Amino acid sequence: MTPAIEAELRALLATPQRFSSYQAIVDWLWQQHQIRLSYSAVYALVRQKLQLRLNVRRGNHKEQPYDRSKHRVS
C-alpha cells in the first residue's frame, strides 16, 4: 500500500461514521484501489500502524430495573 493511499484512508477514518466496520475498509480498498487485504491485515493496519480506531456508535439499551425476586438467595 502506498503512502498516498494510507493518507487517504487516515483522512477518511477521521470523518465521523465513514466506515462502520473493518470489513467496510476491506471492501473500500478493493473497490477504490484494487488492493485485496484480509480483515486481520486491515485491523492491524488501522490499529497498529495508523494507531487509529473506528468511531462507530453502538446501540445502547435501557437498563432493566432491578428485580429482587429474581436474585433471592435461599
PDB file of N, CA and C in Angstrom:
ATOM      1  N   MET A   1       0.842  -1.167   0.000  1.00  0.00           N
ATOM      2  CA  MET A   1       0.000   0.000   0.000  1.00  0.00           C
ATOM      3  C   MET A   1       0.893   1.238   0.000  1.00  0.00           C
ATOM      4  N   THR A   2       0.552   2.172  -0.835  1.00  0.00           N
ATOM      5  CA  THR A   2       1.376   3.372  -0.964  1.00  0.00           C
ATOM      6  C   THR A   2       1.080   4.358   0.172  1.00  0.00           C
ATOM      7  N   PRO A   3       2.018   5.245   0.465  1.00  0.00           N
ATOM      8  CA  PRO A   3       1.774   6.271   1.480  1.00  0.00           C
ATOM      9  C   PRO A   3       0.577   7.165   1.139  1.00  0.00           C
ATOM     10  N   ALA A   4       0.339   7.390  -0.140  1.00  0.00           N
ATOM     11  CA  ALA A   4      -0.806   8.210  -0.548  1.00  0.00           C
ATOM     12  C   ALA A   4      -2.133   7.548  -0.173  1.00  0.00           C
ATOM     13  N   ILE A   5      -2.218   6.231  -0.351  1.00  0.00           N
ATOM     14  CA  ILE A   5      -3.438   5.505  -0.001  1.00  0.00           C
ATOM     15  C   ILE A   5      -3.601   5.479   1.512  1.00  0.00           C
ATOM     16  N   GLU A   6      -2.499   5.301   2.235  1.00  0.00           N
ATOM     17  CA  GLU A   6      -2.566   5.355   3.703  1.00  0.00           C
ATOM     18  C   GLU A   6      -3.058   6.710   4.171  1.00  0.00           C
ATOM     19  N   ALA A   7      -2.583   7.788   3.553  1.00  0.00           N
ATOM     20  CA  ALA A   7      -3.014   9.141   3.922  1.00  0.00           C
ATOM     21  C   ALA A   7      -4.501   9.331   3.621  1.00  0.00           C
ATOM     22  N   GLU A   8      -4.951   8.807   2.489  1.00  0.00           N
ATOM     23  CA  GLU A   8      -6.370   8.900   2.136  1.00  0.00           C
ATOM     24  C   GLU A   8      -7.224   8.136   3.142  1.00  0.00           C
ATOM     25  N   LEU A   9      -6.778   6.942   3.504  1.00  0.00           N
ATOM     26  CA  LEU A   9      -7.505   6.141   4.486  1.00  0.00           C
ATOM     27  C   LEU A   9      -7.539   6.854   5.834  1.00  0.00           C
ATOM     28  N   ARG A  10      -6.415   7.437   6.245  1.00  0.00           N
ATOM     29  CA  ARG A  10      -6.361   8.163   7.512  1.00  0.00           C
ATOM     30  C   ARG A  10      -7.363   9.327   7.507  1.00  0.00           C
ATOM     31  N   ALA A  11      -7.433  10.048   6.397  1.00  0.00           N
ATOM     32  CA  ALA A  11      -8.369  11.162   6.285  1.00  0.00           C
ATOM     33  C   ALA A  11      -9.820  10.672   6.338  1.00  0.00           C
ATOM     34  N   LEU A  12     -10.098   9.559   5.672  1.00  0.00           N
ATOM     35  CA  LEU A  12     -11.460   9.022   5.694  1.00  0.00           C
ATOM     36  C   LEU A  12     -11.838   8.506   7.078  1.00  0.00           C
ATOM     37  N   LEU A  13     -10.880   7.944   7.791  1.00  0.00           N
ATOM     38  CA  LEU A  13     -11.161   7.463   9.145  1.00  0.00           C
ATOM     39  C   LEU A  13     -11.420   8.614  10.106  1.00  0.00           C
ATOM     40  N   ALA A  14     -10.914   9.792   9.786  1.00  0.00           N
ATOM     41  CA  ALA A  14     -11.164  10.968  10.628  1.00  0.00           C
ATOM     42  C   ALA A  14     -12.575  11.511  10.413  1.00  0.00           C
ATOM     43  N   THR A  15     -13.213  11.100   9.314  1.00  0.00           N
ATOM     44  CA  THR A  15     -14.579  11.523   9.019  1.00  0.00           C
ATOM     45  C   THR A  15     -15.538  10.690   9.868  1.00  0.00           C
ATOM     46  N   PRO A  16     -16.385  11.335  10.660  1.00  0.00           N
ATOM     47  CA  PRO A  16     -17.313  10.572  11.509  1.00  0.00           C
ATOM     48  C   PRO A  16     -18.224   9.664  10.684  1.00  0.00           C
ATOM     49  N   GLN A  17     -18.374   8.454  11.129  1.00  0.00           N
ATOM     50  CA  GLN A  17     -19.273   7.461  10.532  1.00  0.00           C
ATOM     51  C   GLN A  17     -18.941   7.103   9.088  1.00  0.00           C
ATOM     52  N   ARG A  18     -17.703   7.270   8.658  1.00  0.00           N
ATOM     53  CA  ARG A  18     -17.331   6.922   7.278  1.00  0.00           C
ATOM     54  C   ARG A  18     -17.328   5.412   7.087  1.00  0.00           C
ATOM     55  N   PHE A  19     -16.697   4.706   7.998  1.00  0.00           N
ATOM     56  CA  PHE A  19     -16.654   3.248   7.929  1.00  0.00           C
ATOM     57  C   PHE A  19     -17.336   2.688   9.171  1.00  0.00           C
ATOM     58  N   SER A  20     -18.245   1.763   8.960  1.00  0.00           N
ATOM     59  CA  SER A  20     -18.957   1.177  10.093  1.00  0.00           C
ATOM     60  C   SER A  20     -18.275  -0.086  10.620  1.00  0.00           C
ATOM     61  N   SER A  21     -17.297  -0.591   9.861  1.00  0.00           N
ATOM     62  CA  SER A  21     -16.609  -1.805  10.297  1.00  0.00           C
ATOM     63  C   SER A  21     -15.277  -1.922   9.558  1.00  0.00           C
ATOM     64  N   TYR A  22     -14.441  -2.823  10.045  1.00  0.00           N
ATOM     65  CA  TYR A  22     -13.178  -3.076   9.352  1.00  0.00           C
ATOM     66  C   TYR A  22     -13.437  -3.745   8.006  1.00  0.00           C
ATOM     67  N   GLN A  23     -14.513  -4.518   7.925  1.00  0.00           N
ATOM     68  CA  GLN A  23     -14.868  -5.141   6.644  1.00  0.00           C
ATOM     69  C   GLN A  23     -15.216  -4.076   5.612  1.00  0.00           C
ATOM     70  N   ALA A  24     -15.821  -2.982   6.036  1.00  0.00           N
ATOM     71  CA  ALA A  24     -16.121  -1.879   5.111  1.00  0.00           C
ATOM     72  C   ALA A  24     -14.829  -1.287   4.550  1.00  0.00           C
ATOM     73  N   ILE A  25     -13.777  -1.255   5.360  1.00  0.00           N
ATOM     74  CA  ILE A  25     -12.481  -0.761   4.888  1.00  0.00           C
ATOM     75  C   ILE A  25     -11.883  -1.738   3.886  1.00  0.00           C
ATOM     76  N   VAL A  26     -11.997  -3.034   4.179  1.00  0.00           N
ATOM     77  CA  VAL A  26     -11.522  -4.066   3.241  1.00  0.00           C
ATOM     78  C   VAL A  26     -12.210  -3.876   1.891  1.00  0.00           C
ATOM     79  N   ASP A  27     -13.523  -3.695   1.921  1.00  0.00           N
ATOM     80  CA  ASP A  27     -14.288  -3.517   0.678  1.00  0.00           C
ATOM     81  C   ASP A  27     -13.884  -2.233  -0.044  1.00  0.00           C
ATOM     82  N   TRP A  28     -13.701  -1.140   0.701  1.00  0.00           N
ATOM     83  CA  TRP A  28     -13.300   0.137   0.106  1.00  0.00           C
ATOM     84  C   TRP A  28     -11.942   0.011  -0.581  1.00  0.00           C
ATOM     85  N   LEU A  29     -10.985  -0.632   0.089  1.00  0.00           N
ATOM     86  CA  LEU A  29      -9.657  -0.803  -0.512  1.00  0.00           C
ATOM     87  C   LEU A  29      -9.741  -1.561  -1.832  1.00  0.00           C
ATOM     88  N   TRP A  30     -10.591  -2.572  -1.879  1.00  0.00           N
ATOM     89  CA  TRP A  30     -10.720  -3.352  -3.100  1.00  0.00           C
ATOM     90  C   TRP A  30     -11.424  -2.546  -4.196  1.00  0.00           C
ATOM     91  N   GLN A  31     -12.525  -1.889  -3.842  1.00  0.00           N
ATOM     92  CA  GLN A  31     -13.311  -1.170  -4.844  1.00  0.00           C
ATOM     93  C   GLN A  31     -12.595   0.066  -5.384  1.00  0.00           C
ATOM     94  N   GLN A  32     -11.905   0.785  -4.520  1.00  0.00           N
ATOM     95  CA  GLN A  32     -11.277   2.038  -4.937  1.00  0.00           C
ATOM     96  C   GLN A  32      -9.850   1.879  -5.465  1.00  0.00           C
ATOM     97  N   HIS A  33      -9.120   0.886  -4.910  1.00  0.00           N
ATOM     98  CA  HIS A  33      -7.691   0.783  -5.237  1.00  0.00           C
ATOM     99  C   HIS A  33      -7.255  -0.606  -5.692  1.00  0.00           C
ATOM    100  N   GLN A  34      -8.199  -1.537  -5.811  1.00  0.00           N
ATOM    101  CA  GLN A  34      -7.908  -2.914  -6.206  1.00  0.00           C
ATOM    102  C   GLN A  34      -6.812  -3.527  -5.322  1.00  0.00           C
ATOM    103  N   ILE A  35      -6.873  -3.217  -4.048  1.00  0.00           N
ATOM    104  CA  ILE A  35      -5.960  -3.796  -3.061  1.00  0.00           C
ATOM    105  C   ILE A  35      -6.772  -4.778  -2.232  1.00  0.00           C
ATOM    106  N   ARG A  36      -6.348  -6.028  -2.261  1.00  0.00           N
ATOM    107  CA  ARG A  36      -7.057  -7.054  -1.506  1.00  0.00           C
ATOM    108  C   ARG A  36      -6.250  -7.377  -0.243  1.00  0.00           C
ATOM    109  N   LEU A  37      -6.837  -7.023   0.885  1.00  0.00           N
ATOM    110  CA  LEU A  37      -6.226  -7.329   2.183  1.00  0.00           C
ATOM    111  C   LEU A  37      -7.228  -8.107   3.012  1.00  0.00           C
ATOM    112  N   SER A  38      -6.722  -8.947   3.881  1.00  0.00           N
ATOM    113  CA  SER A  38      -7.604  -9.692   4.768  1.00  0.00           C
ATOM    114  C   SER A  38      -8.110  -8.771   5.875  1.00  0.00           C
ATOM    115  N   TYR A  39      -9.167  -9.206   6.530  1.00  0.00           N
ATOM    116  CA  TYR A  39      -9.732  -8.459   7.651  1.00  0.00           C
ATOM    117  C   TYR A  39      -8.668  -8.212   8.712  1.00  0.00           C
ATOM    118  N   SER A  40      -7.906  -9.244   9.049  1.00  0.00           N
ATOM    119  CA  SER A  40      -6.893  -9.112  10.101  1.00  0.00           C
ATOM    120  C   SER A  40      -5.776  -8.157   9.685  1.00  0.00           C
ATOM    121  N   ALA A  41      -5.444  -8.134   8.404  1.00  0.00           N
ATOM    122  CA  ALA A  41      -4.416  -7.212   7.925  1.00  0.00           C
ATOM    123  C   ALA A  41      -4.901  -5.765   8.015  1.00  0.00           C
ATOM    124  N   VAL A  42      -6.163  -5.531   7.668  1.00  0.00           N
ATOM    125  CA  VAL A  42      -6.727  -4.182   7.769  1.00  0.00           C
ATOM    126  C   VAL A  42      -6.821  -3.759   9.229  1.00  0.00           C
ATOM    127  N   TYR A  43      -7.244  -4.676  10.087  1.00  0.00           N
ATOM    128  CA  TYR A  43      -7.331  -4.375  11.520  1.00  0.00           C
ATOM    129  C   TYR A  43      -5.956  -3.964  12.049  1.00  0.00           C
ATOM    130  N   ALA A  44      -4.927  -4.726  11.710  1.00  0.00           N
ATOM    131  CA  ALA A  44      -3.566  -4.415  12.156  1.00  0.00           C
ATOM    132  C   ALA A  44      -3.093  -3.080  11.581  1.00  0.00           C
ATOM    133  N   LEU A  45      -3.403  -2.824  10.327  1.00  0.00           N
ATOM    134  CA  LEU A  45      -3.013  -1.565   9.691  1.00  0.00           C
ATOM    135  C   LEU A  45      -3.617  -0.376  10.427  1.00  0.00           C
ATOM    136  N   VAL A  46      -4.920  -0.450  10.670  1.00  0.00           N
ATOM    137  CA  VAL A  46      -5.615   0.678  11.300  1.00  0.00           C
ATOM    138  C   VAL A  46      -5.192   0.842  12.755  1.00  0.00           C
ATOM    139  N   ARG A  47      -5.182  -0.255  13.498  1.00  0.00           N
ATOM    140  CA  ARG A  47      -4.923  -0.157  14.941  1.00  0.00           C
ATOM    141  C   ARG A  47      -3.457   0.041  15.270  1.00  0.00           C
ATOM    142  N   GLN A  48      -2.555  -0.651  14.574  1.00  0.00           N
ATOM    143  CA  GLN A  48      -1.144  -0.621  14.941  1.00  0.00           C
ATOM    144  C   GLN A  48      -0.347   0.393  14.134  1.00  0.00           C
ATOM    145  N   LYS A  49      -0.448   0.346  12.830  1.00  0.00           N
ATOM    146  CA  LYS A  49       0.369   1.239  12.012  1.00  0.00           C
ATOM    147  C   LYS A  49      -0.165   2.671  12.029  1.00  0.00           C
ATOM    148  N   LEU A  50      -1.472   2.827  11.798  1.00  0.00           N
ATOM    149  CA  LEU A  50      -2.066   4.166  11.792  1.00  0.00           C
ATOM    150  C   LEU A  50      -2.432   4.642  13.198  1.00  0.00           C
ATOM    151  N   GLN A  51      -2.483   3.709  14.137  1.00  0.00           N
ATOM    152  CA  GLN A  51      -2.822   3.981  15.539  1.00  0.00           C
ATOM    153  C   GLN A  51      -4.155   4.720  15.661  1.00  0.00           C
ATOM    154  N   LEU A  52      -5.156   4.178  14.963  1.00  0.00           N
ATOM    155  CA  LEU A  52      -6.499   4.748  14.977  1.00  0.00           C
ATOM    156  C   LEU A  52      -7.496   3.685  15.394  1.00  0.00           C
ATOM    157  N   ARG A  53      -8.703   4.133  15.678  1.00  0.00           N
ATOM    158  CA  ARG A  53      -9.810   3.236  15.982  1.00  0.00           C
ATOM    159  C   ARG A  53     -11.017   3.685  15.185  1.00  0.00           C
ATOM    160  N   LEU A  54     -11.884   2.759  14.895  1.00  0.00           N
ATOM    161  CA  LEU A  54     -13.135   3.131  14.242  1.00  0.00           C
ATOM    162  C   LEU A  54     -14.011   3.830  15.271  1.00  0.00           C
ATOM    163  N   ASN A  55     -14.597   4.938  14.879  1.00  0.00           N
ATOM    164  CA  ASN A  55     -15.513   5.657  15.755  1.00  0.00           C
ATOM    165  C   ASN A  55     -16.934   5.302  15.375  1.00  0.00           C
ATOM    166  N   VAL A  56     -17.363   4.143  15.831  1.00  0.00           N
ATOM    167  CA  VAL A  56     -18.678   3.644  15.473  1.00  0.00           C
ATOM    168  C   VAL A  56     -19.553   3.676  16.707  1.00  0.00           C
ATOM    169  N   ARG A  57     -20.696   4.344  16.574  1.00  0.00           N
ATOM    170  CA  ARG A  57     -21.644   4.345  17.689  1.00  0.00           C
ATOM    171  C   ARG A  57     -22.335   3.004  17.735  1.00  0.00           C
ATOM    172  N   ARG A  58     -22.294   2.407  18.853  1.00  0.00           N
ATOM    173  CA  ARG A  58     -23.002   1.147  19.061  1.00  0.00           C
ATOM    174  C   ARG A  58     -24.353   1.448  19.677  1.00  0.00           C
ATOM    175  N   GLY A  59     -25.307   0.580  19.424  1.00  0.00           N
ATOM    176  CA  GLY A  59     -26.627   0.756  20.013  1.00  0.00           C
ATOM    177  C   GLY A  59     -26.553   0.666  21.525  1.00  0.00           C
ATOM    178  N   ASN A  60     -27.397   1.410  22.183  1.00  0.00           N
ATOM    179  CA  ASN A  60     -27.431   1.320  23.634  1.00  0.00           C
ATOM    180  C   ASN A  60     -28.801   0.816  24.052  1.00  0.00           C
ATOM    181  N   HIS A  61     -28.872   0.326  25.223  1.00  0.00           N
ATOM    182  CA  HIS A  61     -30.115  -0.249  25.711  1.00  0.00           C
ATOM    183  C   HIS A  61     -30.490   0.410  27.028  1.00  0.00           C
ATOM    184  N   LYS A  62     -31.767   0.365  27.316  1.00  0.00           N
ATOM    185  CA  LYS A  62     -32.208   0.843  28.616  1.00  0.00           C
ATOM    186  C   LYS A  62     -31.918  -0.258  29.620  1.00  0.00           C
ATOM    187  N   GLU A  63     -31.339   0.129  30.720  1.00  0.00           N
ATOM    188  CA  GLU A  63     -31.063  -0.866  31.750  1.00  0.00           C
ATOM    189  C   GLU A  63     -32.378  -1.253  32.410  1.00  0.00           C
ATOM    190  N   GLN A  64     -32.554  -2.541  32.569  1.00  0.00           N
ATOM    191  CA  GLN A  64     -33.775  -3.027  33.185  1.00  0.00           C
ATOM    192  C   GLN A  64     -33.754  -2.722  34.683  1.00  0.00           C
ATOM    193  N   PRO A  65     -34.896  -2.386  35.250  1.00  0.00           N
ATOM    194  CA  PRO A  65     -34.936  -2.135  36.695  1.00  0.00           C
ATOM    195  C   PRO A  65     -34.587  -3.403  37.462  1.00  0.00           C
ATOM    196  N   TYR A  66     -33.958  -3.232  38.605  1.00  0.00           N
ATOM    197  CA  TYR A  66     -33.541  -4.355  39.427  1.00  0.00           C
ATOM    198  C   TYR A  66     -34.761  -5.041  40.019  1.00  0.00           C
ATOM    199  N   ASP A  67     -34.836  -6.347  39.874  1.00  0.00           N
ATOM    200  CA  ASP A  67     -35.954  -7.115  40.396  1.00  0.00           C
ATOM    201  C   ASP A  67     -35.417  -8.042  41.477  1.00  0.00           C
ATOM    202  N   ARG A  68     -35.721  -7.738  42.735  1.00  0.00           N
ATOM    203  CA  ARG A  68     -35.204  -8.513  43.853  1.00  0.00           C
ATOM    204  C   ARG A  68     -35.673  -9.970  43.816  1.00  0.00           C
ATOM    205  N   SER A  69     -36.882 -10.215  43.315  1.00  0.00           N
ATOM    206  CA  SER A  69     -37.436 -11.575  43.352  1.00  0.00           C
ATOM    207  C   SER A  69     -36.591 -12.538  42.504  1.00  0.00           C
ATOM    208  N   LYS A  70     -35.872 -12.032  41.534  1.00  0.00           N
ATOM    209  CA  LYS A  70     -35.066 -12.897  40.672  1.00  0.00           C
ATOM    210  C   LYS A  70     -33.699 -13.180  41.268  1.00  0.00           C
ATOM    211  N   HIS A  71     -33.340 -12.490  42.345  1.00  0.00           N
ATOM    212  CA  HIS A  71     -32.000 -12.619  42.894  1.00  0.00           C
ATOM    213  C   HIS A  71     -31.979 -12.998  44.367  1.00  0.00           C
ATOM    214  N   ARG A  72     -32.974 -13.761  44.776  1.00  0.00           N
ATOM    215  CA  ARG A  72     -33.027 -14.174  46.174  1.00  0.00           C
ATOM    216  C   ARG A  72     -32.064 -15.321  46.431  1.00  0.00           C
ATOM    217  N   VAL A  73     -31.446 -15.246  47.556  1.00  0.00           N
ATOM    218  CA  VAL A  73     -30.566 -16.333  47.978  1.00  0.00           C
ATOM    219  C   VAL A  73     -31.363 -17.177  48.973  1.00  0.00           C
ATOM    220  N   SER A  74     -31.475 -18.463  48.689  1.00  0.00           N
ATOM    221  CA  SER A  74     -32.291 -19.328  49.569  1.00  0.00           C
ATOM    222  C   SER A  74     -31.478 -19.886  50.691  1.00  0.00           C
TER     223      SER A  74
END
